[in-house]
Amino acid sequence: MVLIEHQSLPQETRRILNGVPALIDKTFPLPGRFRFKLPADVAELSRLLTSGRGERELSYLGRPNLLSAYLRYFMPWNLYRLCRLLPGLDITLTAGDRITDLGCGPLTLTAALWICRPDLRSVPLEFNCIDRSGPVLEAGKKFFAALTASCGSSGGLWKIHTVRGGIEAQKSSTGRGTVRGKPAALVCAVNVFNEMYGDISRARGCNAEKSAGLVESYVSASAGILIVEPGFPRCGEFISQMRTVFLKHGRYIVSPCPHDSACPFPGGKKHERWCHFAFETKDAPPSLHKLSLTAGLPKDRAVLSFLFAGPKVLQEKQEETERVRIISDSFSLPGGRYGRYCCSAKGLVLLTGEKKTMEKTTSGELLDVILEKDKTDAKSGAVVGVQENKEK
């Protein structure tokens, strides 16, 4: 299964995404004084979300100019990333299922599912969307209504419930997350935890322990959990820590991990490598690229780190060959060969092959490989392998 494709997005997904910037302008008309300052507002919001996070107030998106910058820059890029990720995940939803979105922002995950999973549009689903910002929730409902209408639908089969407040506050007297009716089949937290913590991976994983417990308070043992964070080193380290906690709690890690052994890419100061996935953005909306360039934030590539955990049932894997996940770009090796690094139960694997074969293999792809007995890469220490049935 390809997790994040290097090829173009499906035609319908790309068409809808290309129309998102114009749809936002139509849905949220921008006064002239904000239009002129938009690139500067985008740059300032980017600073507040990164190096200036200490200056950021909890209600920062209550400021009209910053909300406008978020809707016009950050939301479309987040939609693009999610539309790359979601179709490759084994997210199975049936009629009546509930999805709880923690720190949902302007309903970005809900909108992304609508855009990239057309098979779900005819399935009655219920979304429980929680965020501390009232203006953001209102903007999300307004945008989702405009999005579904632009696709020729009222979106009526998807029931959207918004809850204003911090995700820690949404618990019932039983200690479980507030979900009126049945528990969620899927709980998601997209770009949430890196905003909650000044140092997302600090104190030997205490943030991961706390976050895993918080997320699991919203779901039953049979539900899926999706965590998505930016592809920065500290976020990759946090994702690895969350993986450790979920495994300890008995959850099966569906993706991206091809195994449930120790993570070979834990990040942190002692490790140069962290788990993240990168892809080119050539098929992102042209007007979004233009705004990004004007704001001094061009995006030729986008990166993310994520974890999709399944039910609390560890499933036995019966595989005849070693299963690996591609986690790097293609690079040249001595002797005219090319390689890509992979994650596996045996740790780091160096997949080798001809240039054409390695370049056709995509970031995030899950493969069965044949490991070369007693052979390791002198530079990285990785076990060396070749793609099964690809080269003889």
Protein backbone atom coordinates (compact mmCIF):
# COMPACT_ATOMS: atom_id res chain seq x y z
CA MET A 1 0.00 0.00 0.00
CA VAL A 2 1.33 3.45 -0.92
CA LEU A 3 1.02 5.80 2.01
CA ILE A 4 1.92 9.12 0.40
CA GLU A 5 2.11 9.16 -3.38
CA HIS A 6 4.61 11.17 -5.41
CA GLN A 7 2.24 11.00 -8.38
CA SER A 8 -0.43 13.63 -8.93
CA LEU A 9 -3.49 13.65 -6.73
CA PRO A 10 -6.63 12.04 -8.17
CA GLN A 11 -8.28 14.38 -10.65
CA GLU A 12 -11.37 15.08 -8.53
CA THR A 13 -9.35 15.70 -5.36
CA ARG A 14 -7.04 18.07 -7.20
CA ARG A 15 -9.95 19.91 -8.81
CA ILE A 16 -11.61 20.52 -5.45
CA LEU A 17 -8.37 21.55 -3.76
CA ASN A 18 -7.56 23.97 -6.59
CA GLY A 19 -10.91 25.62 -5.95
CA VAL A 20 -10.41 25.95 -2.18
CA PRO A 21 -8.60 29.36 -2.19
CA ALA A 22 -11.32 30.96 -4.33
CA LEU A 23 -14.02 29.30 -2.21
CA ILE A 24 -12.44 30.73 0.94
CA ASP A 25 -12.33 34.22 -0.61
CA LYS A 26 -15.99 33.92 -1.58
CA THR A 27 -17.07 32.55 1.81
CA PHE A 28 -14.96 34.95 3.87
CA PRO A 29 -14.67 38.22 1.89
CA LEU A 30 -11.49 40.03 2.90
CA PRO A 31 -11.55 43.81 3.46
CA GLY A 32 -8.96 45.74 1.50
CA ARG A 33 -6.90 46.64 4.58
CA PHE A 34 -6.49 42.92 5.38
CA ARG A 35 -5.84 41.93 1.75
CA PHE A 36 -2.80 44.22 1.54
CA LYS A 37 -1.42 42.89 4.81
CA LEU A 38 -2.24 39.21 4.17
CA PRO A 39 1.32 38.04 3.32
CA ALA A 40 2.67 39.81 6.42
CA ASP A 41 -0.11 38.30 8.56
CA VAL A 42 0.71 34.82 7.22
CA ALA A 43 4.39 35.31 8.06
CA GLU A 44 3.52 36.60 11.55
CA LEU A 45 1.19 33.69 12.26
CA SER A 46 3.88 31.27 11.08
CA ARG A 47 6.28 32.88 13.54
CA LEU A 48 3.76 32.59 16.39
CA LEU A 49 3.32 28.91 15.60
CA THR A 50 7.08 28.24 15.59
CA SER A 51 9.82 30.43 17.04
CA GLY A 52 7.39 32.86 18.70
CA ARG A 53 5.13 30.29 20.33
CA GLY A 54 5.92 31.79 23.74
CA GLU A 55 4.19 35.01 22.69
CA ARG A 56 1.07 33.27 21.39
CA GLU A 57 -2.16 33.66 23.33
CA LEU A 58 -4.66 30.81 23.59
CA SER A 59 -7.20 32.91 21.72
CA TYR A 60 -4.79 34.01 18.99
CA LEU A 61 -7.17 32.94 16.22
CA GLY A 62 -9.81 35.24 17.68
CA ARG A 63 -7.92 38.11 16.01
CA PRO A 64 -9.59 38.69 12.62
CA ASN A 65 -6.37 39.24 10.68
CA LEU A 66 -4.74 36.07 12.06
CA LEU A 67 -7.90 34.01 11.48
CA SER A 68 -7.95 35.27 7.90
CA ALA A 69 -4.28 34.28 7.48
CA TYR A 70 -5.01 30.84 8.94
CA LEU A 71 -7.98 30.24 6.64
CA ARG A 72 -6.13 31.35 3.52
CA TYR A 73 -2.73 29.76 4.11
CA PHE A 74 -2.57 27.17 6.88
CA MET A 75 -5.93 25.51 6.32
CA PRO A 76 -5.38 24.91 2.56
CA TRP A 77 -1.91 23.50 3.19
CA ASN A 78 -3.28 21.26 5.95
CA LEU A 79 -6.05 20.11 3.61
CA TYR A 80 -3.44 19.28 1.00
CA ARG A 81 -1.30 17.25 3.45
CA LEU A 82 -4.31 15.34 4.74
CA CYS A 83 -5.55 14.60 1.22
CA ARG A 84 -2.14 13.05 0.58
CA LEU A 85 -2.28 10.99 3.76
CA LEU A 86 -5.85 9.87 4.39
CA PRO A 87 -6.59 7.82 1.24
CA GLY A 88 -3.63 5.54 2.01
CA LEU A 89 -4.81 4.71 5.52
CA ASP A 90 -7.11 1.80 6.23
CA ILE A 91 -9.87 3.97 7.72
CA THR A 92 -13.08 2.00 7.48
CA LEU A 93 -16.26 3.79 8.55
CA THR A 94 -19.82 2.51 8.40
CA ALA A 95 -23.23 4.14 8.66
CA GLY A 96 -23.78 5.81 12.02
CA ASP A 97 -20.12 5.85 13.05
CA ARG A 98 -18.81 8.80 15.02
CA ILE A 99 -15.53 10.62 14.47
CA THR A 100 -14.23 12.78 17.31
CA ASP A 101 -11.78 15.49 16.20
CA LEU A 102 -9.76 16.99 19.05
CA GLY A 103 -8.55 20.53 18.48
CA CYS A 104 -10.36 20.46 15.15
CA GLY A 105 -9.67 24.06 14.09
CA PRO A 106 -11.92 25.08 11.17
CA LEU A 107 -13.09 21.46 10.67
CA THR A 108 -10.04 20.73 8.53
CA LEU A 109 -10.07 16.95 8.97
CA THR A 110 -13.80 16.75 8.22
CA ALA A 111 -13.31 18.81 5.05
CA ALA A 112 -10.30 16.73 3.99
CA LEU A 113 -12.26 13.49 4.37
CA TRP A 114 -15.02 14.95 2.24
CA ILE A 115 -12.56 15.99 -0.46
CA CYS A 116 -10.37 12.87 -0.69
CA ARG A 117 -12.80 10.08 0.32
CA PRO A 118 -15.77 10.50 -2.03
CA ASP A 119 -16.84 6.96 -1.11
CA LEU A 120 -17.76 8.24 2.36
CA ARG A 121 -19.99 11.12 1.21
CA SER A 122 -22.99 8.81 0.93
CA VAL A 123 -22.37 7.23 4.36
CA PRO A 124 -24.26 8.75 7.31
CA LEU A 125 -21.54 9.84 9.76
CA GLU A 126 -21.44 11.95 12.90
CA PHE A 127 -18.56 14.33 13.68
CA ASN A 128 -17.86 15.59 17.18
CA CYS A 129 -15.51 18.58 16.64
CA ILE A 130 -13.85 20.19 19.66
CA ASP A 131 -11.85 23.42 19.69
CA ARG A 132 -11.30 26.22 22.16
CA SER A 133 -11.93 29.00 19.59
CA GLY A 134 -15.54 29.90 18.84
CA PRO A 135 -14.69 31.98 15.74
CA VAL A 136 -12.68 29.09 14.31
CA LEU A 137 -15.54 26.62 14.82
CA GLU A 138 -18.02 29.00 13.20
CA ALA A 139 -15.65 29.53 10.28
CA GLY A 140 -15.27 25.77 9.92
CA LYS A 141 -19.01 25.16 9.75
CA LYS A 142 -19.40 27.94 7.22
CA PHE A 143 -16.56 26.64 5.06
CA PHE A 144 -17.75 23.02 5.18
CA ALA A 145 -21.24 24.09 4.07
CA ALA A 146 -19.71 26.03 1.17
CA LEU A 147 -17.44 23.11 0.28
CA THR A 148 -20.20 20.53 0.11
CA ALA A 149 -22.41 22.93 -1.86
CA SER A 150 -19.59 23.46 -4.36
CA CYS A 151 -19.58 19.68 -4.85
CA GLY A 152 -23.30 19.68 -5.56
CA SER A 153 -24.33 18.35 -2.16
CA SER A 154 -25.83 19.64 1.06
CA GLY A 155 -23.57 17.35 3.08
CA GLY A 156 -26.70 16.37 4.97
CA LEU A 157 -25.62 12.79 5.66
CA TRP A 158 -22.74 14.08 7.77
CA LYS A 159 -23.94 15.51 11.07
CA ILE A 160 -21.51 18.06 12.53
CA HIS A 161 -21.53 18.80 16.27
CA THR A 162 -19.14 21.49 17.50
CA VAL A 163 -18.02 21.86 21.10
CA ARG A 164 -16.16 24.97 22.25
CA GLY A 165 -13.49 24.34 24.89
CA GLY A 166 -10.12 22.78 25.57
CA ILE A 167 -9.88 19.09 24.86
CA GLU A 168 -8.88 18.36 28.46
CA ALA A 169 -12.12 19.97 29.66
CA GLN A 170 -14.44 17.80 27.60
CA LYS A 171 -14.73 14.91 30.06
CA SER A 172 -17.74 13.52 31.80
CA SER A 173 -17.98 12.62 35.48
CA THR A 174 -16.86 9.09 34.57
CA GLY A 175 -13.53 10.45 33.35
CA ARG A 176 -14.19 9.51 29.74
CA GLY A 177 -14.33 12.04 26.93
CA THR A 178 -17.72 13.63 26.46
CA VAL A 179 -19.45 11.84 23.60
CA ARG A 180 -23.20 11.93 23.75
CA GLY A 181 -24.43 8.57 22.61
CA LYS A 182 -22.10 5.83 21.47
CA PRO A 183 -18.30 6.14 21.61
CA ALA A 184 -16.30 7.28 18.61
CA ALA A 185 -15.15 4.78 15.99
CA LEU A 186 -12.22 7.09 15.26
CA VAL A 187 -10.59 9.88 17.26
CA CYS A 188 -8.20 12.31 15.56
CA ALA A 189 -5.77 14.96 16.72
CA VAL A 190 -4.21 16.89 13.85
CA ASN A 191 -1.53 19.50 14.66
CA VAL A 192 -2.76 19.58 18.25
CA PHE A 193 -0.02 18.46 20.59
CA ASN A 194 2.81 20.56 19.16
CA GLU A 195 0.63 23.60 19.98
CA MET A 196 -0.20 22.35 23.48
CA TYR A 197 3.39 21.95 24.62
CA GLY A 198 6.30 24.33 24.51
CA ASP A 199 8.57 21.32 24.08
CA ILE A 200 6.44 18.52 22.67
CA SER A 201 8.95 15.75 23.46
CA ARG A 202 10.26 16.92 26.84
CA ALA A 203 10.74 15.06 30.11
CA ARG A 204 11.33 11.55 28.77
CA GLY A 205 7.95 11.16 27.17
CA CYS A 206 5.72 12.52 29.94
CA ASN A 207 3.85 14.57 27.30
CA ALA A 208 3.29 11.40 25.29
CA GLU A 209 1.97 9.53 28.34
CA LYS A 210 -0.38 12.39 29.13
CA SER A 211 -1.50 12.81 25.52
CA ALA A 212 -2.12 9.10 24.93
CA GLY A 213 -4.23 8.94 28.08
CA LEU A 214 -6.16 12.01 27.01
CA VAL A 215 -6.90 10.66 23.53
CA GLU A 216 -7.90 7.25 24.85
CA SER A 217 -10.36 8.87 27.28
CA TYR A 218 -12.50 9.70 24.23
CA VAL A 219 -12.67 6.23 22.70
CA SER A 220 -13.43 2.61 23.38
CA ALA A 221 -10.84 -0.15 23.13
CA SER A 222 -12.12 -1.00 19.64
CA ALA A 223 -11.67 2.48 18.12
CA GLY A 224 -8.92 3.80 15.90
CA ILE A 225 -6.68 6.76 16.80
CA LEU A 226 -5.01 9.07 14.28
CA ILE A 227 -2.31 11.52 15.38
CA VAL A 228 -0.77 13.88 12.79
CA GLU A 229 1.95 16.42 13.53
CA PRO A 230 4.39 18.51 11.48
CA GLY A 231 7.42 16.57 10.26
CA PHE A 232 9.88 18.37 12.54
CA PRO A 233 12.44 16.37 14.56
CA ARG A 234 10.78 17.13 17.91
CA CYS A 235 7.39 16.06 16.53
CA GLY A 236 8.87 12.85 15.13
CA GLU A 237 10.33 12.12 18.56
CA PHE A 238 6.91 12.73 20.14
CA ILE A 239 5.21 10.43 17.64
CA SER A 240 7.73 7.69 18.48
CA GLN A 241 7.00 8.18 22.18
CA MET A 242 3.25 7.99 21.55
CA ARG A 243 3.80 4.77 19.64
CA THR A 244 5.61 3.30 22.65
CA VAL A 245 2.76 4.25 24.96
CA PHE A 246 0.05 2.87 22.68
CA LEU A 247 1.92 -0.42 22.31
CA LYS A 248 2.26 -0.59 26.08
CA HIS A 249 -1.51 -0.06 26.32
CA GLY A 250 -2.05 -3.01 23.99
CA ARG A 251 -2.97 -1.13 20.83
CA TYR A 252 -1.98 -2.39 17.40
CA ILE A 253 -0.08 0.20 15.33
CA VAL A 254 -1.64 0.04 11.87
CA SER A 255 0.54 2.64 10.15
CA PRO A 256 3.18 3.72 9.34
CA CYS A 257 5.06 1.06 11.33
CA PRO A 258 5.57 -2.29 9.59
CA HIS A 259 6.32 -3.91 12.98
CA ASP A 260 5.72 -3.56 16.72
CA SER A 261 9.36 -3.84 17.79
CA ALA A 262 11.40 -0.94 19.17
CA CYS A 263 11.29 2.16 16.99
CA PRO A 264 14.56 2.51 15.03
CA PHE A 265 13.86 6.22 14.43
CA PRO A 266 13.09 7.62 17.88
CA GLY A 267 14.61 11.05 17.23
CA GLY A 268 15.96 13.08 20.12
CA LYS A 269 19.42 14.43 20.75
CA LYS A 270 21.10 11.03 20.51
CA HIS A 271 19.54 10.10 17.17
CA GLU A 272 19.89 11.93 13.86
CA ARG A 273 16.90 10.22 12.24
CA TRP A 274 13.25 10.67 13.09
CA CYS A 275 10.10 9.21 11.55
CA HIS A 276 8.62 11.60 8.99
CA PHE A 277 7.41 11.58 5.40
CA ALA A 278 8.05 14.15 2.68
CA PHE A 279 6.42 14.71 -0.68
CA GLU A 280 6.56 17.27 -3.46
CA THR A 281 3.83 19.89 -3.73
CA LYS A 282 3.75 20.51 -7.48
CA ASP A 283 0.03 19.73 -7.64
CA ALA A 284 -0.98 22.03 -4.77
CA PRO A 285 -3.21 24.96 -5.80
CA PRO A 286 -1.21 27.52 -7.85
CA SER A 287 -2.76 30.46 -5.96
CA LEU A 288 -1.66 28.87 -2.68
CA HIS A 289 1.89 28.59 -3.98
CA LYS A 290 1.72 32.27 -4.97
CA LEU A 291 0.59 33.37 -1.49
CA SER A 292 3.27 31.17 0.10
CA LEU A 293 5.97 32.78 -2.02
CA THR A 294 4.73 36.31 -1.30
CA ALA A 295 4.75 35.57 2.44
CA GLY A 296 8.32 34.28 2.23
CA LEU A 297 7.20 30.73 3.01
CA PRO A 298 7.56 28.79 -0.26
CA LYS A 299 6.71 25.08 -0.12
CA ASP A 300 8.34 22.86 -2.72
CA ARG A 301 7.96 19.91 -0.34
CA ALA A 302 5.66 19.18 2.57
CA VAL A 303 6.46 16.92 5.51
CA LEU A 304 4.49 15.28 8.28
CA SER A 305 4.80 12.73 11.06
CA PHE A 306 1.82 10.59 11.97
CA LEU A 307 0.60 7.54 13.84
CA PHE A 308 -2.51 5.47 13.17
CA ALA A 309 -3.26 3.12 16.04
CA GLY A 310 -5.87 0.41 15.81
CA PRO A 311 -7.94 -1.44 18.43
CA LYS A 312 -6.50 -2.90 21.60
CA VAL A 313 -5.94 -6.26 19.97
CA LEU A 314 -2.38 -7.07 19.01
CA GLN A 315 -2.64 -8.93 15.73
CA GLU A 316 -0.14 -11.61 14.84
CA LYS A 317 1.69 -10.92 11.63
CA GLN A 318 2.48 -13.89 9.47
CA GLU A 319 4.89 -12.71 6.82
CA GLU A 320 7.32 -14.78 4.82
CA THR A 321 9.58 -11.80 4.13
CA GLU A 322 10.62 -8.70 6.03
CA ARG A 323 8.09 -5.88 5.74
CA VAL A 324 9.51 -2.37 5.59
CA ARG A 325 8.26 1.20 5.21
CA ILE A 326 10.16 3.59 2.89
CA ILE A 327 11.19 6.70 4.84
CA SER A 328 13.74 8.54 2.68
CA ASP A 329 14.38 9.89 -0.77
CA SER A 330 16.44 7.92 -3.29
CA PHE A 331 20.22 8.46 -3.11
CA SER A 332 23.26 7.17 -4.96
CA LEU A 333 25.49 4.37 -3.65
CA PRO A 334 28.96 3.20 -4.66
CA GLY A 335 29.04 1.02 -7.75
CA GLY A 336 26.22 2.80 -9.55
CA ARG A 337 23.48 1.44 -7.30
CA TYR A 338 20.82 3.53 -5.56
CA GLY A 339 19.19 3.15 -2.17
CA ARG A 340 16.40 4.24 0.15
CA TYR A 341 16.25 3.92 3.92
CA CYS A 342 13.41 1.92 5.45
CA CYS A 343 11.92 1.23 8.87
CA SER A 344 11.52 -2.41 9.90
CA ALA A 345 11.32 -4.71 12.90
CA LYS A 346 15.04 -5.27 12.47
CA GLY A 347 15.73 -1.55 12.68
CA LEU A 348 17.13 0.49 9.83
CA VAL A 349 17.13 -1.23 6.43
CA LEU A 350 18.92 0.01 3.32
CA LEU A 351 16.89 -1.01 0.29
CA THR A 352 19.12 -1.11 -2.78
CA GLY A 353 18.49 -1.35 -6.49
CA GLU A 354 18.80 0.34 -9.85
CA LYS A 355 18.21 4.08 -10.08
CA LYS A 356 14.93 3.73 -11.99
CA THR A 357 13.56 1.19 -9.52
CA MET A 358 14.48 3.26 -6.47
CA GLU A 359 13.06 6.48 -7.89
CA LYS A 360 9.77 4.77 -8.75
CA THR A 361 9.46 3.55 -5.17
CA THR A 362 7.52 6.20 -3.24
CA SER A 363 7.95 7.75 0.18
CA GLY A 364 5.79 5.90 2.69
CA GLU A 365 5.38 2.77 0.56
CA LEU A 366 5.04 -0.54 2.41
CA LEU A 367 7.09 -3.32 0.83
CA ASP A 368 8.22 -6.90 1.35
CA VAL A 369 11.98 -7.14 0.92
CA ILE A 370 14.59 -9.87 0.93
CA LEU A 371 17.38 -9.16 3.39
CA GLU A 372 20.90 -10.05 2.32
CA LYS A 373 22.32 -12.45 4.90
CA ASP A 374 25.02 -11.00 7.16
CA LYS A 375 25.31 -7.84 5.04
CA THR A 376 25.12 -4.36 6.54
CA ASP A 377 25.80 -0.87 5.22
CA ALA A 378 29.22 0.36 6.39
CA LYS A 379 28.07 3.98 6.67
CA SER A 380 24.75 3.65 8.51
CA GLY A 381 24.91 0.14 9.95
CA ALA A 382 21.61 -0.66 8.23
CA VAL A 383 20.72 -4.19 7.16
CA VAL A 384 20.85 -4.35 3.35
CA GLY A 385 17.90 -5.66 1.37
CA VAL A 386 16.44 -5.86 -2.13
CA GLN A 387 12.81 -5.56 -3.18
CA GLU A 388 11.04 -8.91 -3.40
CA ASN A 389 10.38 -10.13 -6.94
CA LYS A 390 11.81 -6.90 -8.35
CA GLU A 391 15.41 -7.88 -8.91
CA LYS A 392 16.97 -11.27 -9.37
